[in-house]
Amino acid sequence: VFVCCLLLSAPVFGYLGDRHSRKAALSIGILLWSGTGLSSSFISPQYSWLFFLSRGVVGIGSASFSTIAPTVLGDLFVRDQRTR
């Protein structure tokens, strides 16, 4: 569930990162990722479907971070200093 949601939402965040504010999209994704990760630790075993759903939402948040964060870091450094 995690990987499928990550793979499906990564192109969406790539599009949003190119067309809109990267910091806003990254912030929303990180809040979604951390909030869902924290709240999923309180799900009781009888609601396993909710746990699987929360893993999918964590995958969406992770896709925002893994897609947009490298571009933000790349913007902070000039080309010659990126590999240091």
C-alpha atoms as a PDB file:
ATOM      1  CA  VAL A   1       0.000   0.000   0.000  1.00  0.00           C
ATOM      2  CA  PHE A   2       2.830   2.369   0.939  1.00  0.00           C
ATOM      3  CA  VAL A   3       4.804   1.823  -2.264  1.00  0.00           C
ATOM      4  CA  CYS A   4       1.757   1.968  -4.537  1.00  0.00           C
ATOM      5  CA  CYS A   5       0.613   5.282  -3.070  1.00  0.00           C
ATOM      6  CA  LEU A   6       4.154   6.648  -3.224  1.00  0.00           C
ATOM      7  CA  LEU A   7       4.530   5.679  -6.886  1.00  0.00           C
ATOM      8  CA  LEU A   8       1.159   7.127  -7.859  1.00  0.00           C
ATOM      9  CA  SER A   9       1.561  10.425  -6.013  1.00  0.00           C
ATOM     10  CA  ALA A  10       5.228  11.213  -6.806  1.00  0.00           C
ATOM     11  CA  PRO A  11       4.450  12.575 -10.309  1.00  0.00           C
ATOM     12  CA  VAL A  12       1.685  14.732  -8.835  1.00  0.00           C
ATOM     13  CA  PHE A  13       4.094  16.305  -6.366  1.00  0.00           C
ATOM     14  CA  GLY A  14       6.661  16.736  -9.121  1.00  0.00           C
ATOM     15  CA  TYR A  15       4.091  18.696 -11.105  1.00  0.00           C
ATOM     16  CA  LEU A  16       3.107  20.750  -8.060  1.00  0.00           C
ATOM     17  CA  GLY A  17       6.759  21.449  -7.252  1.00  0.00           C
ATOM     18  CA  ASP A  18       7.362  22.779 -10.760  1.00  0.00           C
ATOM     19  CA  ARG A  19       4.228  24.898 -11.041  1.00  0.00           C
ATOM     20  CA  HIS A  20       3.609  26.127  -7.481  1.00  0.00           C
ATOM     21  CA  SER A  21       5.502  26.924  -4.303  1.00  0.00           C
ATOM     22  CA  ARG A  22       7.887  24.102  -3.448  1.00  0.00           C
ATOM     23  CA  LYS A  23       8.042  25.075   0.200  1.00  0.00           C
ATOM     24  CA  ALA A  24       4.258  24.967   0.545  1.00  0.00           C
ATOM     25  CA  ALA A  25       3.941  21.579  -1.155  1.00  0.00           C
ATOM     26  CA  LEU A  26       6.837  20.199   0.882  1.00  0.00           C
ATOM     27  CA  SER A  27       5.374  21.558   4.124  1.00  0.00           C
ATOM     28  CA  ILE A  28       1.958  20.058   3.433  1.00  0.00           C
ATOM     29  CA  GLY A  29       3.525  16.718   2.557  1.00  0.00           C
ATOM     30  CA  ILE A  30       5.709  16.620   5.662  1.00  0.00           C
ATOM     31  CA  LEU A  31       2.770  17.551   7.907  1.00  0.00           C
ATOM     32  CA  LEU A  32       0.683  14.837   6.255  1.00  0.00           C
ATOM     33  CA  TRP A  33       3.509  12.323   6.588  1.00  0.00           C
ATOM     34  CA  SER A  34       4.335  13.002  10.224  1.00  0.00           C
ATOM     35  CA  GLY A  35       0.738  13.507  11.362  1.00  0.00           C
ATOM     36  CA  THR A  36      -0.441  10.273   9.824  1.00  0.00           C
ATOM     37  CA  GLY A  37       2.595   8.388  11.075  1.00  0.00           C
ATOM     38  CA  LEU A  38       1.956   9.572  14.602  1.00  0.00           C
ATOM     39  CA  SER A  39      -1.772   8.936  14.541  1.00  0.00           C
ATOM     40  CA  SER A  40      -1.361   5.480  13.006  1.00  0.00           C
ATOM     41  CA  SER A  41       0.542   4.348  16.079  1.00  0.00           C
ATOM     42  CA  PHE A  42      -2.680   4.641  18.079  1.00  0.00           C
ATOM     43  CA  ILE A  43      -4.834   2.445  15.819  1.00  0.00           C
ATOM     44  CA  SER A  44      -6.100  -0.665  17.562  1.00  0.00           C
ATOM     45  CA  PRO A  45      -5.633  -4.082  15.921  1.00  0.00           C
ATOM     46  CA  GLN A  46      -9.334  -4.458  15.211  1.00  0.00           C
ATOM     47  CA  TYR A  47      -9.119  -1.602  12.691  1.00  0.00           C
ATOM     48  CA  SER A  48      -6.459  -3.091  10.447  1.00  0.00           C
ATOM     49  CA  TRP A  49      -8.065  -1.557   7.341  1.00  0.00           C
ATOM     50  CA  LEU A  50      -7.502   1.886   8.850  1.00  0.00           C
ATOM     51  CA  PHE A  51      -3.849   1.034   9.451  1.00  0.00           C
ATOM     52  CA  PHE A  52      -3.420   0.054   5.791  1.00  0.00           C
ATOM     53  CA  LEU A  53      -5.138   3.272   4.741  1.00  0.00           C
ATOM     54  CA  SER A  54      -2.815   5.288   6.957  1.00  0.00           C
ATOM     55  CA  ARG A  55       0.217   3.569   5.420  1.00  0.00           C
ATOM     56  CA  GLY A  56      -1.005   4.771   2.049  1.00  0.00           C
ATOM     57  CA  VAL A  57      -1.283   8.342   3.312  1.00  0.00           C
ATOM     58  CA  VAL A  58       2.238   8.069   4.749  1.00  0.00           C
ATOM     59  CA  GLY A  59       3.357   7.002   1.270  1.00  0.00           C
ATOM     60  CA  ILE A  60       1.783  10.120  -0.210  1.00  0.00           C
ATOM     61  CA  GLY A  61       3.582  12.322   2.311  1.00  0.00           C
ATOM     62  CA  SER A  62       6.840  10.518   1.684  1.00  0.00           C
ATOM     63  CA  ALA A  63       6.427  11.076  -2.045  1.00  0.00           C
ATOM     64  CA  SER A  64       6.227  14.808  -1.482  1.00  0.00           C
ATOM     65  CA  PHE A  65       9.453  14.797   0.488  1.00  0.00           C
ATOM     66  CA  SER A  66      11.409  12.504  -1.814  1.00  0.00           C
ATOM     67  CA  THR A  67      10.301  14.404  -4.916  1.00  0.00           C
ATOM     68  CA  ILE A  68      10.607  18.025  -3.834  1.00  0.00           C
ATOM     69  CA  ALA A  69      13.410  18.035  -1.221  1.00  0.00           C
ATOM     70  CA  PRO A  70      16.276  17.308  -3.668  1.00  0.00           C
ATOM     71  CA  THR A  71      15.209  20.229  -5.848  1.00  0.00           C
ATOM     72  CA  VAL A  72      15.063  22.572  -2.851  1.00  0.00           C
ATOM     73  CA  LEU A  73      18.565  21.504  -1.830  1.00  0.00           C
ATOM     74  CA  GLY A  74      19.745  21.886  -5.419  1.00  0.00           C
ATOM     75  CA  ASP A  75      18.443  25.448  -5.485  1.00  0.00           C
ATOM     76  CA  LEU A  76      20.415  26.347  -2.358  1.00  0.00           C
ATOM     77  CA  PHE A  77      23.849  25.565  -3.816  1.00  0.00           C
ATOM     78  CA  VAL A  78      25.557  26.445  -7.064  1.00  0.00           C
ATOM     79  CA  ARG A  79      26.423  23.609  -9.388  1.00  0.00           C
ATOM     80  CA  ASP A  80      30.105  23.357  -8.385  1.00  0.00           C
ATOM     81  CA  GLN A  81      29.315  23.103  -4.657  1.00  0.00           C
ATOM     82  CA  ARG A  82      26.485  20.547  -4.790  1.00  0.00           C
ATOM     83  CA  THR A  83      28.721  17.504  -4.492  1.00  0.00           C
ATOM     84  CA  ARG A  84      30.716  18.707  -1.482  1.00  0.00           C
END
